């Protein structure tokens, strides 16, 4: 039977709130109390920021005890100022590549352009939606054409 700690660990990981290096958290409250969990990144960051802002402890020492660099503490402070507690949650980065415009879609665009050089972006959008069931932005098509242009140079 899985214990409560395993469930919390899975949930922290799932939510992107699992501290990658809980062993670096040496602050006494995380060592002496079961309430404070060094694996919970949001809890660690919040307590770290509270020490700096409310208790007015020196940032350098707090950063060290909580396992962060000084620039990371400044980033966390700014994120908290912008978004409160939710600002401390890591946001997954967006796609790093054209994820909708797969090779078949790009090939379709190229074929349409080769058949009729005057085909409009709106016509391409409608064709992609009809043939692939995808809704794409005109800028995505422009970027795809530009990438293809760069490759052929």
N, C-alpha and C. Protein backbone atom coordinates (compact mmCIF):
# COMPACT_ATOMS: atom_id res chain seq x y z
N UNK A 1 0.84 -1.18 0.00
CA UNK A 1 0.00 0.00 0.00
C UNK A 1 0.89 1.25 0.00
N UNK A 2 0.71 2.16 -1.00
CA UNK A 2 1.56 3.34 -1.06
C UNK A 2 1.29 4.27 0.12
N UNK A 3 2.36 4.88 0.61
CA UNK A 3 2.17 5.79 1.74
C UNK A 3 1.85 7.21 1.25
N UNK A 4 1.46 8.05 2.19
CA UNK A 4 1.04 9.42 1.90
C UNK A 4 2.18 10.22 1.25
N UNK A 5 3.40 9.98 1.66
CA UNK A 5 4.55 10.69 1.10
C UNK A 5 4.75 10.41 -0.37
N UNK A 6 4.51 9.16 -0.77
CA UNK A 6 4.64 8.80 -2.18
C UNK A 6 3.60 9.52 -3.02
N UNK A 7 2.38 9.63 -2.51
CA UNK A 7 1.32 10.33 -3.23
C UNK A 7 1.67 11.80 -3.38
N UNK A 8 2.20 12.39 -2.32
CA UNK A 8 2.58 13.81 -2.38
C UNK A 8 3.71 14.00 -3.38
N UNK A 9 4.68 13.10 -3.36
CA UNK A 9 5.81 13.18 -4.29
C UNK A 9 5.31 13.13 -5.74
N UNK A 10 4.40 12.20 -6.02
CA UNK A 10 3.84 12.08 -7.38
C UNK A 10 3.10 13.35 -7.77
N UNK A 11 2.32 13.90 -6.84
CA UNK A 11 1.55 15.10 -7.13
C UNK A 11 2.47 16.31 -7.35
N UNK A 12 3.50 16.45 -6.52
CA UNK A 12 4.45 17.55 -6.71
C UNK A 12 5.11 17.45 -8.07
N UNK A 13 5.50 16.26 -8.44
CA UNK A 13 6.13 16.04 -9.75
C UNK A 13 5.15 16.38 -10.87
N UNK A 14 3.93 15.91 -10.75
CA UNK A 14 2.90 16.14 -11.77
C UNK A 14 2.62 17.64 -11.95
N UNK A 15 2.60 18.39 -10.87
CA UNK A 15 2.30 19.81 -10.91
C UNK A 15 3.52 20.68 -11.24
N UNK A 16 4.69 20.06 -11.39
CA UNK A 16 5.90 20.82 -11.68
C UNK A 16 6.42 21.57 -10.46
N UNK A 17 6.08 21.10 -9.27
CA UNK A 17 6.46 21.77 -8.03
C UNK A 17 7.44 20.95 -7.20
N UNK A 18 8.03 19.95 -7.79
CA UNK A 18 8.99 19.11 -7.06
C UNK A 18 10.36 19.80 -7.12
N UNK A 19 10.91 20.03 -5.95
CA UNK A 19 12.23 20.67 -5.85
C UNK A 19 13.27 19.68 -6.36
N UNK A 20 14.06 20.12 -7.32
CA UNK A 20 15.06 19.24 -7.92
C UNK A 20 16.18 18.87 -6.94
N UNK A 21 16.43 19.75 -5.97
CA UNK A 21 17.53 19.51 -5.02
C UNK A 21 17.09 19.79 -3.58
N UNK A 22 16.19 18.97 -3.05
CA UNK A 22 15.74 19.21 -1.67
C UNK A 22 16.87 19.05 -0.65
N UNK A 23 17.89 18.32 -1.01
CA UNK A 23 19.01 18.13 -0.08
C UNK A 23 19.79 19.42 0.16
N UNK A 24 19.63 20.40 -0.71
CA UNK A 24 20.32 21.68 -0.55
C UNK A 24 19.62 22.60 0.47
N UNK A 25 18.41 22.25 0.84
CA UNK A 25 17.66 23.07 1.80
C UNK A 25 18.13 22.68 3.20
N UNK A 26 18.90 23.56 3.82
CA UNK A 26 19.46 23.26 5.14
C UNK A 26 18.84 24.12 6.23
N UNK A 27 17.88 24.96 5.89
CA UNK A 27 17.24 25.82 6.89
C UNK A 27 16.63 24.94 7.97
N UNK A 28 16.74 25.40 9.22
CA UNK A 28 16.32 24.61 10.37
C UNK A 28 14.85 24.19 10.36
N UNK A 29 13.94 25.06 9.91
CA UNK A 29 12.52 24.67 9.96
C UNK A 29 12.25 23.48 9.05
N UNK A 30 12.99 23.36 7.96
CA UNK A 30 12.79 22.22 7.06
C UNK A 30 13.45 20.95 7.60
N UNK A 31 14.31 21.11 8.58
CA UNK A 31 14.96 19.97 9.20
C UNK A 31 14.20 19.50 10.44
N UNK A 32 13.48 20.41 11.10
CA UNK A 32 12.89 20.10 12.40
C UNK A 32 11.38 19.85 12.37
N UNK A 33 10.72 20.12 11.27
CA UNK A 33 9.26 20.01 11.26
C UNK A 33 8.78 19.20 10.05
N UNK A 34 7.82 18.33 10.29
CA UNK A 34 7.24 17.56 9.19
C UNK A 34 6.36 18.43 8.30
N UNK A 35 5.87 19.54 8.84
CA UNK A 35 5.03 20.44 8.05
C UNK A 35 5.80 21.02 6.87
N UNK A 36 7.06 21.40 7.12
CA UNK A 36 7.89 21.98 6.07
C UNK A 36 8.57 20.87 5.29
N UNK A 37 8.30 20.82 4.00
CA UNK A 37 8.78 19.74 3.14
C UNK A 37 9.77 20.32 2.12
N UNK A 38 11.04 19.97 2.22
CA UNK A 38 12.03 20.52 1.28
C UNK A 38 11.81 20.06 -0.16
N UNK A 39 10.96 19.06 -0.36
CA UNK A 39 10.66 18.62 -1.73
C UNK A 39 9.65 19.53 -2.41
N UNK A 40 8.91 20.31 -1.61
CA UNK A 40 7.86 21.19 -2.12
C UNK A 40 8.47 22.54 -2.50
N UNK A 41 8.74 22.72 -3.78
CA UNK A 41 9.45 23.90 -4.25
C UNK A 41 8.71 25.19 -3.92
N UNK A 42 7.40 25.20 -4.01
CA UNK A 42 6.64 26.41 -3.73
C UNK A 42 6.76 26.78 -2.24
N UNK A 43 6.66 25.77 -1.39
CA UNK A 43 6.78 26.01 0.04
C UNK A 43 8.18 26.53 0.38
N UNK A 44 9.19 25.95 -0.23
CA UNK A 44 10.57 26.38 0.02
C UNK A 44 10.76 27.83 -0.43
N UNK A 45 10.31 28.14 -1.64
CA UNK A 45 10.47 29.50 -2.14
C UNK A 45 9.70 30.51 -1.29
N UNK A 46 8.48 30.15 -0.92
CA UNK A 46 7.67 31.08 -0.14
C UNK A 46 8.33 31.38 1.21
N UNK A 47 8.78 30.34 1.88
CA UNK A 47 9.43 30.54 3.18
C UNK A 47 10.72 31.33 3.01
N UNK A 48 11.44 31.08 1.94
CA UNK A 48 12.67 31.82 1.66
C UNK A 48 12.35 33.31 1.47
N UNK A 49 11.33 33.62 0.69
CA UNK A 49 10.96 35.01 0.45
C UNK A 49 10.43 35.68 1.72
N UNK A 50 9.71 34.91 2.52
CA UNK A 50 9.19 35.45 3.78
C UNK A 50 10.35 35.85 4.69
N UNK A 51 11.39 35.02 4.70
CA UNK A 51 12.55 35.34 5.54
C UNK A 51 13.21 36.65 5.11
N UNK A 52 13.26 36.86 3.80
CA UNK A 52 13.89 38.07 3.28
C UNK A 52 13.00 39.29 3.51
N UNK A 53 11.73 39.16 3.16
CA UNK A 53 10.82 40.32 3.21
C UNK A 53 10.29 40.62 4.61
N UNK A 54 9.84 39.62 5.33
CA UNK A 54 9.18 39.84 6.62
C UNK A 54 10.20 39.85 7.76
N UNK A 55 11.04 38.82 7.80
CA UNK A 55 12.02 38.73 8.88
C UNK A 55 13.25 39.61 8.64
N UNK A 56 13.36 40.13 7.42
CA UNK A 56 14.47 41.01 7.03
C UNK A 56 15.84 40.37 7.23
N UNK A 57 15.91 39.08 6.96
CA UNK A 57 17.20 38.39 7.05
C UNK A 57 18.00 38.71 5.79
N UNK A 58 19.32 38.71 5.91
CA UNK A 58 20.16 39.02 4.74
C UNK A 58 19.94 38.00 3.62
N UNK A 59 19.74 38.52 2.43
CA UNK A 59 19.42 37.69 1.28
C UNK A 59 20.48 36.62 1.02
N UNK A 60 21.71 36.96 1.13
CA UNK A 60 22.79 36.02 0.83
C UNK A 60 22.72 34.76 1.69
N UNK A 61 22.54 34.96 3.00
CA UNK A 61 22.46 33.81 3.92
C UNK A 61 21.20 32.99 3.68
N UNK A 62 20.10 33.68 3.43
CA UNK A 62 18.84 32.98 3.16
C UNK A 62 18.98 32.15 1.90
N UNK A 63 19.53 32.74 0.86
CA UNK A 63 19.72 32.01 -0.41
C UNK A 63 20.51 30.73 -0.16
N UNK A 64 21.58 30.84 0.60
CA UNK A 64 22.43 29.68 0.87
C UNK A 64 21.67 28.59 1.64
N UNK A 65 20.95 28.97 2.69
CA UNK A 65 20.23 27.99 3.52
C UNK A 65 19.08 27.32 2.77
N UNK A 66 18.55 28.00 1.77
CA UNK A 66 17.44 27.43 1.01
C UNK A 66 17.89 26.79 -0.30
N UNK A 67 19.19 26.81 -0.54
CA UNK A 67 19.74 26.11 -1.70
C UNK A 67 19.57 26.83 -3.02
N UNK A 68 19.51 28.16 -2.98
CA UNK A 68 19.35 28.94 -4.20
C UNK A 68 20.50 29.92 -4.36
N UNK A 69 20.71 30.37 -5.58
CA UNK A 69 21.67 31.43 -5.82
C UNK A 69 21.00 32.77 -5.53
N UNK A 70 21.78 33.80 -5.33
CA UNK A 70 21.19 35.13 -5.11
C UNK A 70 20.34 35.58 -6.31
N UNK A 71 20.82 35.41 -7.56
CA UNK A 71 19.97 35.80 -8.69
C UNK A 71 18.63 35.05 -8.70
N UNK A 72 18.64 33.79 -8.28
CA UNK A 72 17.39 33.02 -8.23
C UNK A 72 16.43 33.59 -7.21
N UNK A 73 16.96 34.08 -6.10
CA UNK A 73 16.11 34.70 -5.07
C UNK A 73 15.50 35.97 -5.63
N UNK A 74 16.31 36.78 -6.31
CA UNK A 74 15.77 38.01 -6.91
C UNK A 74 14.68 37.68 -7.94
N UNK A 75 14.90 36.64 -8.73
CA UNK A 75 13.89 36.23 -9.71
C UNK A 75 12.61 35.79 -9.01
N UNK A 76 12.76 35.04 -7.93
CA UNK A 76 11.58 34.58 -7.18
C UNK A 76 10.84 35.76 -6.56
N UNK A 77 11.57 36.73 -6.04
CA UNK A 77 10.94 37.92 -5.48
C UNK A 77 10.12 38.66 -6.55
N UNK A 78 10.71 38.82 -7.72
CA UNK A 78 10.01 39.50 -8.81
C UNK A 78 8.79 38.71 -9.26
N UNK A 79 8.93 37.39 -9.35
CA UNK A 79 7.81 36.54 -9.76
C UNK A 79 6.68 36.62 -8.73
N UNK A 80 7.04 36.64 -7.46
CA UNK A 80 6.03 36.74 -6.40
C UNK A 80 5.34 38.10 -6.44
N UNK A 81 6.10 39.16 -6.70
CA UNK A 81 5.52 40.49 -6.81
C UNK A 81 4.54 40.58 -7.98
N UNK A 82 4.86 39.90 -9.07
CA UNK A 82 3.99 39.91 -10.25
C UNK A 82 2.76 39.05 -10.07
N UNK A 83 2.94 37.85 -9.51
CA UNK A 83 1.83 36.89 -9.52
C UNK A 83 1.47 36.25 -8.21
N UNK A 84 2.01 36.75 -7.11
CA UNK A 84 1.71 36.14 -5.83
C UNK A 84 2.23 34.71 -5.78
N UNK A 85 1.56 33.88 -5.02
CA UNK A 85 1.99 32.50 -4.86
C UNK A 85 2.05 31.76 -6.20
N UNK A 86 1.08 32.02 -7.07
CA UNK A 86 1.09 31.36 -8.39
C UNK A 86 2.28 31.80 -9.23
N UNK A 87 2.82 32.97 -8.93
CA UNK A 87 4.01 33.42 -9.65
C UNK A 87 5.23 32.55 -9.36
N UNK A 88 5.19 31.82 -8.25
CA UNK A 88 6.32 30.95 -7.89
C UNK A 88 6.27 29.60 -8.59
N UNK A 89 5.14 29.29 -9.19
CA UNK A 89 5.00 28.01 -9.91
C UNK A 89 5.69 28.13 -11.25
N UNK A 90 6.52 27.16 -11.55
CA UNK A 90 7.21 27.16 -12.84
C UNK A 90 6.19 27.00 -13.96
N UNK A 91 6.37 27.78 -14.99
CA UNK A 91 5.51 27.66 -16.16
C UNK A 91 6.30 26.89 -17.20
N UNK A 92 5.66 25.86 -17.72
CA UNK A 92 6.34 25.09 -18.76
C UNK A 92 6.54 25.98 -19.98
N UNK A 93 7.72 25.93 -20.57
CA UNK A 93 7.94 26.74 -21.76
C UNK A 93 7.08 26.25 -22.92
N UNK A 94 6.78 27.15 -23.79
CA UNK A 94 5.97 26.80 -24.96
C UNK A 94 6.77 25.97 -25.94
N UNK A 95 6.14 25.61 -27.03
CA UNK A 95 6.81 24.78 -28.03
C UNK A 95 8.03 25.49 -28.60
N UNK A 96 9.05 24.74 -28.86
CA UNK A 96 10.29 25.29 -29.41
C UNK A 96 10.39 25.10 -30.92
N UNK A 97 9.39 24.51 -31.49
CA UNK A 97 9.39 24.29 -32.94
C UNK A 97 7.96 24.38 -33.44
N UNK A 98 7.84 24.34 -34.75
CA UNK A 98 6.51 24.40 -35.36
C UNK A 98 5.82 23.06 -35.11
N UNK A 99 4.95 23.00 -34.11
CA UNK A 99 4.36 21.73 -33.73
C UNK A 99 3.12 21.38 -34.54
N UNK A 100 2.42 22.35 -35.08
CA UNK A 100 1.25 22.04 -35.90
C UNK A 100 1.63 21.78 -37.34
N UNK A 101 2.61 22.51 -37.81
CA UNK A 101 2.98 22.39 -39.21
C UNK A 101 4.00 21.27 -39.40
N UNK A 102 3.47 20.06 -39.39
CA UNK A 102 4.31 18.89 -39.59
C UNK A 102 4.77 18.85 -41.06
N UNK A 103 5.64 17.92 -41.36
CA UNK A 103 6.15 17.78 -42.73
C UNK A 103 5.03 17.64 -43.77
N UNK A 104 4.00 16.79 -43.51
CA UNK A 104 2.92 16.70 -44.50
C UNK A 104 2.19 18.03 -44.73
N UNK A 105 2.02 18.81 -43.68
CA UNK A 105 1.34 20.10 -43.83
C UNK A 105 2.21 21.06 -44.63
N UNK A 106 3.49 21.10 -44.31
CA UNK A 106 4.41 21.97 -45.05
C UNK A 106 4.47 21.54 -46.51
N UNK A 107 4.49 20.24 -46.74
CA UNK A 107 4.50 19.73 -48.12
C UNK A 107 3.24 20.17 -48.86
N UNK A 108 2.09 20.12 -48.18
CA UNK A 108 0.83 20.57 -48.75
C UNK A 108 0.93 22.05 -49.15
N UNK A 109 1.48 22.87 -48.26
CA UNK A 109 1.63 24.30 -48.54
C UNK A 109 2.51 24.51 -49.77
N UNK A 110 3.62 23.79 -49.82
CA UNK A 110 4.54 23.92 -50.95
C UNK A 110 3.87 23.50 -52.26
N UNK A 111 3.12 22.41 -52.21
CA UNK A 111 2.43 21.94 -53.41
C UNK A 111 1.41 22.96 -53.89
N UNK A 112 0.68 23.53 -52.95
CA UNK A 112 -0.33 24.54 -53.30
C UNK A 112 0.35 25.77 -53.93
N UNK A 113 1.46 26.18 -53.35
CA UNK A 113 2.20 27.33 -53.88
C UNK A 113 2.78 27.02 -55.26
N UNK A 114 3.24 25.77 -55.46
CA UNK A 114 3.81 25.39 -56.76
C UNK A 114 2.73 25.33 -57.84
N UNK A 115 1.55 24.84 -57.48
CA UNK A 115 0.44 24.75 -58.44
C UNK A 115 -0.10 26.12 -58.81
N UNK A 116 -0.19 26.99 -57.81
CA UNK A 116 -0.76 28.32 -58.03
C UNK A 116 0.00 29.31 -57.17
N UNK A 117 0.92 30.02 -57.80
CA UNK A 117 1.76 30.96 -57.07
C UNK A 117 0.98 32.11 -56.44
N UNK A 118 -0.25 32.30 -56.86
CA UNK A 118 -1.04 33.41 -56.32
C UNK A 118 -2.00 32.96 -55.21
N UNK A 119 -1.86 31.71 -54.75
CA UNK A 119 -2.72 31.22 -53.68
C UNK A 119 -2.52 32.10 -52.44
N UNK A 120 -3.61 32.49 -51.81
CA UNK A 120 -3.53 33.38 -50.65
C UNK A 120 -3.36 32.59 -49.36
N UNK A 121 -2.96 33.28 -48.32
CA UNK A 121 -2.81 32.65 -47.02
C UNK A 121 -4.15 32.12 -46.52
N UNK A 122 -5.21 32.88 -46.77
CA UNK A 122 -6.54 32.45 -46.34
C UNK A 122 -6.94 31.15 -47.04
N UNK A 123 -6.60 31.03 -48.31
CA UNK A 123 -6.90 29.79 -49.05
C UNK A 123 -6.09 28.62 -48.48
N UNK A 124 -4.85 28.90 -48.15
CA UNK A 124 -4.01 27.85 -47.54
C UNK A 124 -4.57 27.43 -46.18
N UNK A 125 -5.00 28.41 -45.38
CA UNK A 125 -5.58 28.11 -44.06
C UNK A 125 -6.80 27.22 -44.21
N UNK A 126 -7.68 27.57 -45.16
CA UNK A 126 -8.89 26.77 -45.39
C UNK A 126 -8.53 25.37 -45.88
N UNK A 127 -7.55 25.28 -46.76
CA UNK A 127 -7.13 23.97 -47.27
C UNK A 127 -6.54 23.08 -46.18
N UNK A 128 -5.75 23.68 -45.29
CA UNK A 128 -5.16 22.92 -44.18
C UNK A 128 -6.26 22.44 -43.24
N UNK A 129 -7.21 23.32 -42.97
CA UNK A 129 -8.31 22.94 -42.09
C UNK A 129 -9.13 21.81 -42.71
N UNK A 130 -9.38 21.91 -44.00
CA UNK A 130 -10.19 20.90 -44.69
C UNK A 130 -9.46 19.55 -44.77
N UNK A 131 -8.19 19.59 -45.18
CA UNK A 131 -7.44 18.35 -45.42
C UNK A 131 -6.83 17.73 -44.16
N UNK A 132 -6.48 18.56 -43.19
CA UNK A 132 -5.77 18.05 -42.01
C UNK A 132 -6.55 18.24 -40.71
N UNK A 133 -7.62 19.00 -40.76
CA UNK A 133 -8.40 19.24 -39.55
C UNK A 133 -7.70 20.15 -38.56
N UNK A 134 -6.75 20.96 -39.04
CA UNK A 134 -5.99 21.85 -38.18
C UNK A 134 -6.38 23.30 -38.41
N UNK A 135 -6.43 24.05 -37.32
CA UNK A 135 -6.63 25.48 -37.42
C UNK A 135 -5.27 26.12 -37.19
N UNK A 136 -4.76 26.78 -38.22
CA UNK A 136 -3.44 27.40 -38.11
C UNK A 136 -3.56 28.90 -38.36
N UNK A 137 -2.65 29.61 -37.78
CA UNK A 137 -2.60 31.06 -37.94
C UNK A 137 -1.80 31.38 -39.20
N UNK A 138 -2.17 32.46 -39.82
CA UNK A 138 -1.48 32.85 -41.05
C UNK A 138 0.01 33.08 -40.82
N UNK A 139 0.36 33.57 -39.64
CA UNK A 139 1.77 33.81 -39.33
C UNK A 139 2.56 32.50 -39.28
N UNK A 140 1.91 31.42 -38.86
CA UNK A 140 2.59 30.11 -38.83
C UNK A 140 2.95 29.68 -40.24
N UNK A 141 2.04 29.94 -41.18
CA UNK A 141 2.31 29.58 -42.58
C UNK A 141 3.45 30.44 -43.12
N UNK A 142 3.41 31.72 -42.81
CA UNK A 142 4.48 32.61 -43.26
C UNK A 142 5.83 32.16 -42.72
N UNK A 143 5.86 31.77 -41.46
CA UNK A 143 7.13 31.29 -40.86
C UNK A 143 7.60 30.01 -41.54
N UNK A 144 6.67 29.11 -41.81
CA UNK A 144 7.03 27.84 -42.46
C UNK A 144 7.62 28.11 -43.83
N UNK A 145 7.02 29.01 -44.58
CA UNK A 145 7.53 29.34 -45.91
C UNK A 145 8.91 29.99 -45.82
N UNK A 146 9.08 30.83 -44.81
CA UNK A 146 10.38 31.50 -44.63
C UNK A 146 11.47 30.48 -44.26
N UNK A 147 11.12 29.52 -43.38
CA UNK A 147 12.09 28.48 -42.99
C UNK A 147 12.49 27.67 -44.21
N UNK A 148 11.51 27.33 -45.03
CA UNK A 148 11.79 26.52 -46.23
C UNK A 148 12.66 27.31 -47.19
N UNK A 149 12.41 28.62 -47.29
CA UNK A 149 13.19 29.51 -48.15
C UNK A 149 14.64 29.53 -47.70
N UNK A 150 14.86 29.60 -46.38
CA UNK A 150 16.22 29.63 -45.84
C UNK A 150 16.96 28.34 -46.14
N UNK A 151 16.24 27.20 -46.07
CA UNK A 151 16.88 25.89 -46.31
C UNK A 151 17.32 25.73 -47.75
N UNK A 152 16.61 26.35 -48.69
CA UNK A 152 16.92 26.17 -50.10
C UNK A 152 18.00 27.13 -50.60
N UNK A 153 18.41 28.05 -49.76
CA UNK A 153 19.45 29.01 -50.18
C UNK A 153 20.81 28.37 -50.21
